[in-house]
Amino acid sequence: MKRIHQKYMTIGTYLKEKREQAGLSQGDVKQLLGYKSPQLISDWERGICGPPRDSLAKLVKAYKMKSRDLIDLFLAAERTELVNALRGSSRSRQRTL
């Protein structure tokens, strides 16, 4: 069973919304990006993983997104993950002291 990553949930929801607004199916995106299966697109949208960086420019164009919006989403997800890791790390240290 594939594990959902909180880091990618917001990004995945955004990508699905933009894909649907662009009138594209997961199969359409698969073809656009040269993938063999639409499963990878489904995985992005469900928060299993994020899209490869070398696909982002094509996604921005196909989905008619603003690059800045996608960048902001990735940065926010990364920031949240780092903050949570640091909080967890400092809690672990406090317990051992």
C-alpha atoms as a PDB file:
ATOM      1  CA  MET A   1       0.000   0.000   0.000  1.00  0.00           C
ATOM      2  CA  LYS A   2       1.315   3.426  -0.924  1.00  0.00           C
ATOM      3  CA  ARG A   3       1.797   5.937   1.869  1.00  0.00           C
ATOM      4  CA  ILE A   4       0.374   9.447   1.681  1.00  0.00           C
ATOM      5  CA  HIS A   5       2.883  12.198   2.450  1.00  0.00           C
ATOM      6  CA  GLN A   6       1.429  15.247   4.133  1.00  0.00           C
ATOM      7  CA  LYS A   7       4.026  17.337   2.322  1.00  0.00           C
ATOM      8  CA  TYR A   8       2.414  16.559  -1.028  1.00  0.00           C
ATOM      9  CA  MET A   9      -1.282  16.655  -0.082  1.00  0.00           C
ATOM     10  CA  THR A  10      -1.818  20.366  -0.747  1.00  0.00           C
ATOM     11  CA  ILE A  11       0.281  20.242  -3.900  1.00  0.00           C
ATOM     12  CA  GLY A  12      -1.646  17.210  -5.148  1.00  0.00           C
ATOM     13  CA  THR A  13      -5.022  18.804  -4.502  1.00  0.00           C
ATOM     14  CA  TYR A  14      -3.910  21.940  -6.344  1.00  0.00           C
ATOM     15  CA  LEU A  15      -2.587  19.942  -9.317  1.00  0.00           C
ATOM     16  CA  LYS A  16      -5.816  17.951  -9.594  1.00  0.00           C
ATOM     17  CA  GLU A  17      -7.899  21.125  -9.478  1.00  0.00           C
ATOM     18  CA  LYS A  18      -5.771  22.792 -12.155  1.00  0.00           C
ATOM     19  CA  ARG A  19      -5.780  19.684 -14.366  1.00  0.00           C
ATOM     20  CA  GLU A  20      -9.562  19.516 -14.221  1.00  0.00           C
ATOM     21  CA  GLN A  21      -9.881  23.269 -14.897  1.00  0.00           C
ATOM     22  CA  ALA A  22      -7.675  22.785 -17.961  1.00  0.00           C
ATOM     23  CA  GLY A  23     -10.064  20.061 -19.167  1.00  0.00           C
ATOM     24  CA  LEU A  24      -7.395  17.350 -19.094  1.00  0.00           C
ATOM     25  CA  SER A  25      -7.644  13.754 -17.961  1.00  0.00           C
ATOM     26  CA  GLN A  26      -4.843  11.944 -16.179  1.00  0.00           C
ATOM     27  CA  GLY A  27      -4.379  10.045 -19.445  1.00  0.00           C
ATOM     28  CA  ASP A  28      -3.934  13.318 -21.331  1.00  0.00           C
ATOM     29  CA  VAL A  29      -1.240  14.408 -18.872  1.00  0.00           C
ATOM     30  CA  LYS A  30       0.463  11.017 -19.130  1.00  0.00           C
ATOM     31  CA  GLN A  31       0.754  11.490 -22.887  1.00  0.00           C
ATOM     32  CA  LEU A  32       1.887  15.102 -22.597  1.00  0.00           C
ATOM     33  CA  LEU A  33       4.705  14.106 -20.260  1.00  0.00           C
ATOM     34  CA  GLY A  34       5.587  10.876 -22.064  1.00  0.00           C
ATOM     35  CA  TYR A  35       4.720   8.504 -19.214  1.00  0.00           C
ATOM     36  CA  LYS A  36       3.562   4.943 -19.766  1.00  0.00           C
ATOM     37  CA  SER A  37       0.766   5.028 -17.193  1.00  0.00           C
ATOM     38  CA  PRO A  38      -1.496   7.678 -15.659  1.00  0.00           C
ATOM     39  CA  GLN A  39      -0.834   6.094 -12.248  1.00  0.00           C
ATOM     40  CA  LEU A  40       1.979   8.547 -11.529  1.00  0.00           C
ATOM     41  CA  ILE A  41      -0.361  11.500 -12.068  1.00  0.00           C
ATOM     42  CA  SER A  42      -2.853   9.856  -9.710  1.00  0.00           C
ATOM     43  CA  ASP A  43      -0.076   9.407  -7.143  1.00  0.00           C
ATOM     44  CA  TRP A  44       0.742  13.135  -7.292  1.00  0.00           C
ATOM     45  CA  GLU A  45      -2.876  14.092  -6.860  1.00  0.00           C
ATOM     46  CA  ARG A  46      -3.333  11.778  -3.860  1.00  0.00           C
ATOM     47  CA  GLY A  47      -0.208  13.021  -2.100  1.00  0.00           C
ATOM     48  CA  ILE A  48       1.817   9.837  -2.576  1.00  0.00           C
ATOM     49  CA  CYS A  49       4.656  11.747  -4.223  1.00  0.00           C
ATOM     50  CA  GLY A  50       5.338  15.019  -5.963  1.00  0.00           C
ATOM     51  CA  PRO A  51       5.904  15.535  -9.666  1.00  0.00           C
ATOM     52  CA  PRO A  52       9.502  15.315 -10.864  1.00  0.00           C
ATOM     53  CA  ARG A  53      11.102  18.717 -11.208  1.00  0.00           C
ATOM     54  CA  ASP A  54      11.851  18.138 -14.874  1.00  0.00           C
ATOM     55  CA  SER A  55       8.072  17.927 -15.493  1.00  0.00           C
ATOM     56  CA  LEU A  56       7.079  21.130 -13.716  1.00  0.00           C
ATOM     57  CA  ALA A  57       7.513  23.514 -16.664  1.00  0.00           C
ATOM     58  CA  LYS A  58       5.332  21.291 -18.865  1.00  0.00           C
ATOM     59  CA  LEU A  59       2.707  21.044 -16.122  1.00  0.00           C
ATOM     60  CA  VAL A  60       2.617  24.812 -15.642  1.00  0.00           C
ATOM     61  CA  LYS A  61       2.023  25.269 -19.362  1.00  0.00           C
ATOM     62  CA  ALA A  62      -0.500  22.425 -19.771  1.00  0.00           C
ATOM     63  CA  TYR A  63      -2.488  23.362 -16.670  1.00  0.00           C
ATOM     64  CA  LYS A  64      -2.303  27.103 -17.420  1.00  0.00           C
ATOM     65  CA  MET A  65      -0.914  27.780 -13.947  1.00  0.00           C
ATOM     66  CA  LYS A  66       1.185  30.612 -12.662  1.00  0.00           C
ATOM     67  CA  SER A  67       4.713  29.400 -11.969  1.00  0.00           C
ATOM     68  CA  ARG A  68       4.805  31.515  -8.827  1.00  0.00           C
ATOM     69  CA  ASP A  69       1.759  29.743  -7.349  1.00  0.00           C
ATOM     70  CA  LEU A  70       3.363  26.340  -7.795  1.00  0.00           C
ATOM     71  CA  ILE A  71       6.674  27.560  -6.387  1.00  0.00           C
ATOM     72  CA  ASP A  72       4.885  28.992  -3.351  1.00  0.00           C
ATOM     73  CA  LEU A  73       3.090  25.686  -2.739  1.00  0.00           C
ATOM     74  CA  PHE A  74       6.324  23.702  -2.884  1.00  0.00           C
ATOM     75  CA  LEU A  75       8.094  26.167  -0.592  1.00  0.00           C
ATOM     76  CA  ALA A  76       5.240  26.138   1.929  1.00  0.00           C
ATOM     77  CA  ALA A  77       5.197  22.329   1.967  1.00  0.00           C
ATOM     78  CA  GLU A  78       8.953  22.190   2.469  1.00  0.00           C
ATOM     79  CA  ARG A  79       8.814  24.830   5.196  1.00  0.00           C
ATOM     80  CA  THR A  80       6.098  22.947   7.095  1.00  0.00           C
ATOM     81  CA  GLU A  81       8.079  19.721   6.876  1.00  0.00           C
ATOM     82  CA  LEU A  82      11.240  21.442   8.161  1.00  0.00           C
ATOM     83  CA  VAL A  83       9.411  23.171  11.019  1.00  0.00           C
ATOM     84  CA  ASN A  84       7.824  19.883  12.078  1.00  0.00           C
ATOM     85  CA  ALA A  85      11.168  18.094  11.903  1.00  0.00           C
ATOM     86  CA  LEU A  86      12.848  20.759  14.009  1.00  0.00           C
ATOM     87  CA  ARG A  87      10.054  20.756  16.572  1.00  0.00           C
ATOM     88  CA  GLY A  88      10.238  16.980  16.792  1.00  0.00           C
ATOM     89  CA  SER A  89      14.009  17.143  17.085  1.00  0.00           C
ATOM     90  CA  SER A  90      13.915  19.681  19.914  1.00  0.00           C
ATOM     91  CA  ARG A  91      11.257  17.649  21.752  1.00  0.00           C
ATOM     92  CA  SER A  92      13.444  14.568  21.501  1.00  0.00           C
ATOM     93  CA  ARG A  93      16.389  16.475  22.970  1.00  0.00           C
ATOM     94  CA  GLN A  94      14.264  17.823  25.814  1.00  0.00           C
ATOM     95  CA  ARG A  95      13.151  14.300  26.729  1.00  0.00           C
ATOM     96  CA  THR A  96      16.728  13.060  26.903  1.00  0.00           C
ATOM     97  CA  LEU A  97      17.905  15.948  29.100  1.00  0.00           C
END
